[in-house]
C-alpha atoms as a PDB file:
ATOM      1  CA  MET A   1      -1.203  36.671  28.662  1.00  0.00           C
ATOM      2  CA  ASN A   2      -0.136  38.929  25.824  1.00  0.00           C
ATOM      3  CA  PRO A   3      -3.233  40.686  24.367  1.00  0.00           C
ATOM      4  CA  MET A   4      -2.270  39.649  20.806  1.00  0.00           C
ATOM      5  CA  LYS A   5      -1.953  35.986  21.814  1.00  0.00           C
ATOM      6  CA  LYS A   6      -5.289  36.188  23.606  1.00  0.00           C
ATOM      7  CA  TYR A   7      -6.897  37.692  20.496  1.00  0.00           C
ATOM      8  CA  ARG A   8      -5.453  34.921  18.297  1.00  0.00           C
ATOM      9  CA  ALA A   9      -6.679  32.224  20.676  1.00  0.00           C
ATOM     10  CA  VAL A  10     -10.198  33.698  20.757  1.00  0.00           C
ATOM     11  CA  ALA A  11     -10.199  34.051  16.937  1.00  0.00           C
ATOM     12  CA  ALA A  12      -9.069  30.427  16.483  1.00  0.00           C
ATOM     13  CA  CYS A  13     -11.758  29.134  18.872  1.00  0.00           C
ATOM     14  CA  THR A  14     -14.403  31.216  17.101  1.00  0.00           C
ATOM     15  CA  LEU A  15     -13.384  29.866  13.691  1.00  0.00           C
ATOM     16  CA  LEU A  16     -13.461  26.290  14.982  1.00  0.00           C
ATOM     17  CA  ALA A  17     -16.913  26.840  16.480  1.00  0.00           C
ATOM     18  CA  LEU A  18     -18.204  28.244  13.201  1.00  0.00           C
ATOM     19  CA  ALA A  19     -16.671  25.424  11.151  1.00  0.00           C
ATOM     20  CA  ALA A  20     -17.810  22.561  13.412  1.00  0.00           C
ATOM     21  CA  PRO A  21     -21.313  22.201  11.905  1.00  0.00           C
ATOM     22  CA  PHE A  22     -19.781  21.759   8.448  1.00  0.00           C
ATOM     23  CA  ALA A  23     -17.360  19.058   9.594  1.00  0.00           C
ATOM     24  CA  ARG A  24     -20.013  16.357   9.806  1.00  0.00           C
ATOM     25  CA  THR A  25     -19.445  12.648   9.594  1.00  0.00           C
ATOM     26  CA  ALA A  26     -20.994  10.382   7.001  1.00  0.00           C
ATOM     27  CA  VAL A  27     -24.487   9.031   7.642  1.00  0.00           C
ATOM     28  CA  LEU A  28     -24.565   5.245   8.048  1.00  0.00           C
ATOM     29  CA  PRO A  29     -26.337   3.258   6.826  1.00  0.00           C
ATOM     30  CA  ARG A  30     -27.255   5.130   3.658  1.00  0.00           C
ATOM     31  CA  PRO A  31     -28.054   4.211   0.054  1.00  0.00           C
ATOM     32  CA  ALA A  32     -24.932   3.985  -2.106  1.00  0.00           C
ATOM     33  CA  PRO A  33     -24.984   6.470  -4.989  1.00  0.00           C
ATOM     34  CA  ASP A  34     -24.658   4.761  -8.378  1.00  0.00           C
ATOM     35  CA  LEU A  35     -21.000   5.626  -8.837  1.00  0.00           C
ATOM     36  CA  ALA A  36     -19.589   5.032 -12.317  1.00  0.00           C
ATOM     37  CA  ILE A  37     -15.917   4.032 -12.171  1.00  0.00           C
ATOM     38  CA  ASN A  38     -13.980   4.858 -15.342  1.00  0.00           C
ATOM     39  CA  LEU A  39     -11.952   1.916 -16.576  1.00  0.00           C
ATOM     40  CA  GLY A  40     -10.332   3.726 -19.493  1.00  0.00           C
ATOM     41  CA  GLN A  41     -10.919   3.429 -23.234  1.00  0.00           C
ATOM     42  CA  GLY A  42     -14.464   4.736 -22.751  1.00  0.00           C
ATOM     43  CA  LYS A  43     -15.480   1.831 -20.482  1.00  0.00           C
ATOM     44  CA  GLN A  44     -17.151   2.156 -17.086  1.00  0.00           C
ATOM     45  CA  VAL A  45     -18.415  -0.077 -14.353  1.00  0.00           C
ATOM     46  CA  LYS A  46     -21.377   1.077 -12.242  1.00  0.00           C
ATOM     47  CA  LEU A  47     -22.118   0.072  -8.680  1.00  0.00           C
ATOM     48  CA  SER A  48     -25.679  -0.806  -9.677  1.00  0.00           C
ATOM     49  CA  GLN A  49     -24.269  -3.682 -11.765  1.00  0.00           C
ATOM     50  CA  PHE A  50     -23.447  -5.447  -8.512  1.00  0.00           C
ATOM     51  CA  LYS A  51     -26.800  -5.149  -6.747  1.00  0.00           C
ATOM     52  CA  GLY A  52     -27.391  -8.438  -4.965  1.00  0.00           C
ATOM     53  CA  LYS A  53     -23.709  -8.732  -4.003  1.00  0.00           C
ATOM     54  CA  THR A  54     -21.763  -7.436  -1.042  1.00  0.00           C
ATOM     55  CA  VAL A  55     -19.375  -4.829  -2.464  1.00  0.00           C
ATOM     56  CA  VAL A  56     -16.084  -3.634  -1.017  1.00  0.00           C
ATOM     57  CA  LEU A  57     -15.093  -0.403  -2.752  1.00  0.00           C
ATOM     58  CA  ALA A  58     -11.581   0.971  -2.219  1.00  0.00           C
ATOM     59  CA  PHE A  59     -10.730   4.581  -3.002  1.00  0.00           C
ATOM     60  CA  ILE A  60      -6.956   4.761  -3.448  1.00  0.00           C
ATOM     61  CA  LEU A  61      -4.026   6.823  -4.606  1.00  0.00           C
ATOM     62  CA  THR A  62      -1.810   4.824  -6.985  1.00  0.00           C
ATOM     63  CA  TYR A  63       1.397   6.169  -5.384  1.00  0.00           C
ATOM     64  CA  CYS A  64       0.302   5.611  -1.758  1.00  0.00           C
ATOM     65  CA  SER A  65       2.120   2.665  -0.114  1.00  0.00           C
ATOM     66  CA  HIS A  66      -0.744   2.113   2.361  1.00  0.00           C
ATOM     67  CA  CYS A  67      -3.211   1.988  -0.560  1.00  0.00           C
ATOM     68  CA  GLN A  68      -0.965  -0.456  -2.418  1.00  0.00           C
ATOM     69  CA  LYS A  69      -0.865  -2.714   0.651  1.00  0.00           C
ATOM     70  CA  VAL A  70      -4.679  -2.661   0.966  1.00  0.00           C
ATOM     71  CA  MET A  71      -5.012  -3.471  -2.756  1.00  0.00           C
ATOM     72  CA  GLY A  72      -2.703  -6.454  -2.201  1.00  0.00           C
ATOM     73  CA  VAL A  73      -4.891  -7.626   0.676  1.00  0.00           C
ATOM     74  CA  LEU A  74      -8.087  -7.260  -1.387  1.00  0.00           C
ATOM     75  CA  SER A  75      -6.456  -9.204  -4.221  1.00  0.00           C
ATOM     76  CA  LYS A  76      -5.508 -11.942  -1.746  1.00  0.00           C
ATOM     77  CA  LEU A  77      -9.055 -12.054  -0.322  1.00  0.00           C
ATOM     78  CA  ASN A  78     -10.749 -12.141  -3.736  1.00  0.00           C
ATOM     79  CA  PRO A  79     -10.480 -15.943  -4.303  1.00  0.00           C
ATOM     80  CA  ASP A  80     -11.949 -16.613  -0.840  1.00  0.00           C
ATOM     81  CA  TYR A  81     -14.834 -14.159  -1.086  1.00  0.00           C
ATOM     82  CA  ALA A  82     -15.802 -13.968  -4.778  1.00  0.00           C
ATOM     83  CA  PRO A  83     -17.540 -17.396  -4.499  1.00  0.00           C
ATOM     84  CA  ARG A  84     -19.442 -15.990  -1.504  1.00  0.00           C
ATOM     85  CA  ASN A  85     -21.009 -13.227  -3.621  1.00  0.00           C
ATOM     86  CA  VAL A  86     -18.525 -10.474  -2.703  1.00  0.00           C
ATOM     87  CA  GLN A  87     -17.360  -8.025  -5.362  1.00  0.00           C
ATOM     88  CA  PHE A  88     -14.215  -5.985  -4.822  1.00  0.00           C
ATOM     89  CA  LEU A  89     -13.815  -2.703  -6.745  1.00  0.00           C
ATOM     90  CA  ALA A  90     -11.239   0.071  -6.629  1.00  0.00           C
ATOM     91  CA  SER A  91     -11.018   3.641  -7.831  1.00  0.00           C
ATOM     92  CA  ALA A  92      -7.896   5.805  -7.965  1.00  0.00           C
ATOM     93  CA  THR A  93      -8.695   9.407  -7.155  1.00  0.00           C
ATOM     94  CA  GLU A  94      -5.541  11.483  -7.587  1.00  0.00           C
ATOM     95  CA  ASP A  95      -5.480  14.304 -10.136  1.00  0.00           C
ATOM     96  CA  MET A  96      -3.583  12.286 -12.769  1.00  0.00           C
ATOM     97  CA  ALA A  97      -5.239   8.934 -11.982  1.00  0.00           C
ATOM     98  CA  ALA A  98      -6.169   8.208 -15.615  1.00  0.00           C
ATOM     99  CA  ALA A  99      -2.515   8.522 -16.630  1.00  0.00           C
ATOM    100  CA  ALA A 100      -1.117   6.668 -13.578  1.00  0.00           C
ATOM    101  CA  LEU A 101      -3.567   3.760 -13.604  1.00  0.00           C
ATOM    102  CA  PRO A 102      -2.129   1.655 -16.486  1.00  0.00           C
ATOM    103  CA  ALA A 103       1.279   1.328 -14.780  1.00  0.00           C
ATOM    104  CA  PHE A 104      -0.425   0.582 -11.450  1.00  0.00           C
ATOM    105  CA  LEU A 105      -2.534  -2.163 -13.061  1.00  0.00           C
ATOM    106  CA  ARG A 106       0.554  -3.708 -14.693  1.00  0.00           C
ATOM    107  CA  GLN A 107       2.452  -3.714 -11.414  1.00  0.00           C
ATOM    108  CA  TYR A 108      -0.285  -4.894  -9.024  1.00  0.00           C
ATOM    109  CA  ALA A 109      -2.671  -6.746 -11.380  1.00  0.00           C
ATOM    110  CA  PRO A 110      -5.785  -6.626  -9.177  1.00  0.00           C
ATOM    111  CA  PRO A 111      -8.213  -9.436 -10.110  1.00  0.00           C
ATOM    112  CA  PHE A 112     -11.233  -7.115  -9.884  1.00  0.00           C
ATOM    113  CA  PRO A 113     -12.367  -3.936 -11.695  1.00  0.00           C
ATOM    114  CA  THR A 114     -10.048  -1.032 -10.889  1.00  0.00           C
ATOM    115  CA  GLY A 115     -10.494   2.376 -12.447  1.00  0.00           C
ATOM    116  CA  TYR A 116     -10.548   6.038 -11.550  1.00  0.00           C
ATOM    117  CA  ASN A 117     -12.807   8.879 -10.442  1.00  0.00           C
ATOM    118  CA  SER A 118     -12.214  12.507  -9.625  1.00  0.00           C
ATOM    119  CA  ASN A 119     -11.332  13.439  -6.084  1.00  0.00           C
ATOM    120  CA  LEU A 120     -14.588  15.412  -5.929  1.00  0.00           C
ATOM    121  CA  GLU A 121     -16.607  12.293  -6.864  1.00  0.00           C
ATOM    122  CA  SER A 122     -14.933  10.201  -4.165  1.00  0.00           C
ATOM    123  CA  VAL A 123     -15.292  12.881  -1.466  1.00  0.00           C
ATOM    124  CA  SER A 124     -18.967  13.276  -2.369  1.00  0.00           C
ATOM    125  CA  PHE A 125     -19.544   9.501  -2.368  1.00  0.00           C
ATOM    126  CA  LEU A 126     -17.898   9.211   1.057  1.00  0.00           C
ATOM    127  CA  GLN A 127     -19.851  12.221   2.415  1.00  0.00           C
ATOM    128  CA  HIS A 128     -16.477  13.477   3.581  1.00  0.00           C
ATOM    129  CA  SER A 129     -16.414  17.031   4.855  1.00  0.00           C
ATOM    130  CA  SER A 130     -14.353  19.457   2.817  1.00  0.00           C
ATOM    131  CA  MET A 131     -13.288  20.908   6.177  1.00  0.00           C
ATOM    132  CA  LEU A 132     -11.377  17.737   7.085  1.00  0.00           C
ATOM    133  CA  MET A 133      -8.339  15.987   5.621  1.00  0.00           C
ATOM    134  CA  LEU A 134      -9.156  12.726   3.798  1.00  0.00           C
ATOM    135  CA  TYR A 135      -6.643  10.013   4.668  1.00  0.00           C
ATOM    136  CA  MET A 136      -6.280   7.271   2.111  1.00  0.00           C
ATOM    137  CA  PRO A 137      -7.167   4.574   1.387  1.00  0.00           C
ATOM    138  CA  ALA A 138     -10.891   4.640   2.036  1.00  0.00           C
ATOM    139  CA  LEU A 139     -12.881   1.387   2.142  1.00  0.00           C
ATOM    140  CA  VAL A 140     -16.645   1.248   1.771  1.00  0.00           C
ATOM    141  CA  PHE A 141     -18.722  -1.858   2.561  1.00  0.00           C
ATOM    142  CA  ILE A 142     -22.026  -2.036   0.677  1.00  0.00           C
ATOM    143  CA  ASP A 143     -24.658  -4.695   1.354  1.00  0.00           C
ATOM    144  CA  PRO A 144     -26.539  -6.641  -1.374  1.00  0.00           C
ATOM    145  CA  ASP A 145     -29.418  -4.124  -1.195  1.00  0.00           C
ATOM    146  CA  GLY A 146     -27.090  -1.253  -2.122  1.00  0.00           C
ATOM    147  CA  MET A 147     -26.831   0.223   1.378  1.00  0.00           C
ATOM    148  CA  ILE A 148     -23.500   1.506   2.665  1.00  0.00           C
ATOM    149  CA  ARG A 149     -23.094  -0.268   5.997  1.00  0.00           C
ATOM    150  CA  ALA A 150     -19.567   0.844   6.926  1.00  0.00           C
ATOM    151  CA  GLN A 151     -16.731   2.987   5.664  1.00  0.00           C
ATOM    152  CA  TYR A 152     -13.202   3.533   6.870  1.00  0.00           C
ATOM    153  CA  GLU A 153     -10.414   5.942   6.032  1.00  0.00           C
ATOM    154  CA  GLY A 154      -6.640   5.522   6.244  1.00  0.00           C
ATOM    155  CA  ARG A 155      -6.302   6.405   9.920  1.00  0.00           C
ATOM    156  CA  ASP A 156      -9.107   4.097  11.113  1.00  0.00           C
ATOM    157  CA  SER A 157      -8.006   1.075  13.151  1.00  0.00           C
ATOM    158  CA  LEU A 158      -9.607  -1.304  10.613  1.00  0.00           C
ATOM    159  CA  LEU A 159      -6.912  -0.226   8.149  1.00  0.00           C
ATOM    160  CA  GLU A 160      -3.984  -0.593  10.570  1.00  0.00           C
ATOM    161  CA  GLU A 161      -1.309  -2.071   8.298  1.00  0.00           C
ATOM    162  CA  THR A 162      -0.301  -4.902  10.624  1.00  0.00           C
ATOM    163  CA  SER A 163      -3.854  -6.261  10.931  1.00  0.00           C
ATOM    164  CA  VAL A 164      -5.679  -4.994   7.840  1.00  0.00           C
ATOM    165  CA  GLU A 165      -6.285  -8.455   6.338  1.00  0.00           C
ATOM    166  CA  LYS A 166      -7.689  -9.866   9.585  1.00  0.00           C
ATOM    167  CA  ASN A 167      -9.828  -6.751  10.073  1.00  0.00           C
ATOM    168  CA  ILE A 168     -11.291  -6.793   6.546  1.00  0.00           C
ATOM    169  CA  ARG A 169     -12.064 -10.507   6.862  1.00  0.00           C
ATOM    170  CA  ALA A 170     -13.824  -9.870  10.186  1.00  0.00           C
ATOM    171  CA  LYS A 171     -15.871  -7.013   8.695  1.00  0.00           C
ATOM    172  CA  LEU A 172     -16.887  -9.173   5.721  1.00  0.00           C
ATOM    173  CA  GLU A 173     -17.885 -12.058   7.995  1.00  0.00           C
ATOM    174  CA  GLU A 174     -19.974  -9.616  10.030  1.00  0.00           C
ATOM    175  CA  LEU A 175     -21.767  -8.366   6.898  1.00  0.00           C
ATOM    176  CA  LEU A 176     -22.220 -11.630   5.009  1.00  0.00           C
ATOM    177  CA  PRO A 177     -25.282 -13.769   5.678  1.00  0.00           C
ATOM    178  CA  LYS A 178     -24.614 -16.506   8.157  1.00  0.00           C
ATOM    179  CA  THR A 179     -24.633 -19.908   6.502  1.00  0.00           C
ATOM    180  CA  ALA A 180     -26.085 -22.894   8.273  1.00  0.00           C
ATOM    181  CA  ALA A 181     -23.568 -25.412   9.529  1.00  0.00           C
ATOM    182  CA  LYS A 182     -23.025 -28.161   7.008  1.00  0.00           C
ATOM    183  CA  LYS A 183     -24.704 -31.367   7.980  1.00  0.00           C
ATOM    184  CA  GLY A 184     -23.694 -34.785   6.815  1.00  0.00           C
ATOM    185  CA  PRO A 185     -26.113 -37.108   5.061  1.00  0.00           C
ATOM    186  CA  PRO A 186     -29.136 -38.121   7.131  1.00  0.00           C
ATOM    187  CA  LYS A 187     -28.508 -41.144   9.298  1.00  0.00           C
ATOM    188  CA  LYS A 188     -30.469 -44.225   8.444  1.00  0.00           C
ATOM    189  CA  SER A 189     -32.448 -45.713  11.223  1.00  0.00           C
ATOM    190  CA  LYS A 190     -31.689 -49.303  12.091  1.00  0.00           C
ATOM    191  CA  PRO A 191     -34.505 -51.758  11.449  1.00  0.00           C
ATOM    192  CA  ARG A 192     -35.811 -53.476  14.572  1.00  0.00           C
END
């Protein structure tokens, strides 16, 4: 092996070994920070407003086709899950999100609060390592007690475009309290 190539290989391995401790994964479960999502015109929505509900928080890029598809799925799921105490939220995180959001809202009209945060806020919320690429969208599932129970990023199988709706439904059913089977009215006993 060429000595220069060998040196480069050793240097690359050394850098990876040094960087590995910083490339940690998010701790789950963990308490959800009280993220404030900017809605524009000085308005915000805070996660703490939804304590007692299961929350699905999507971090998106307004121009990302995968993110747009996931937003469509969440909009479709909203009528089924809102009555079951589920709150969907979304936050755009690209650099010009505040400027891009109004057109996005007009085009996709999500039926739940959708605003924006800085990329730094979303990366911090997700406990995403700055050493790793963040693939969008990111979905976070928060239980009624404010604990993050699961989170997924764009390359995770849960967000596979061909099965994303089925996968999100399954994750919600896993997290929601199980309801007792509905019983009909009590049967009357026959007099003897």
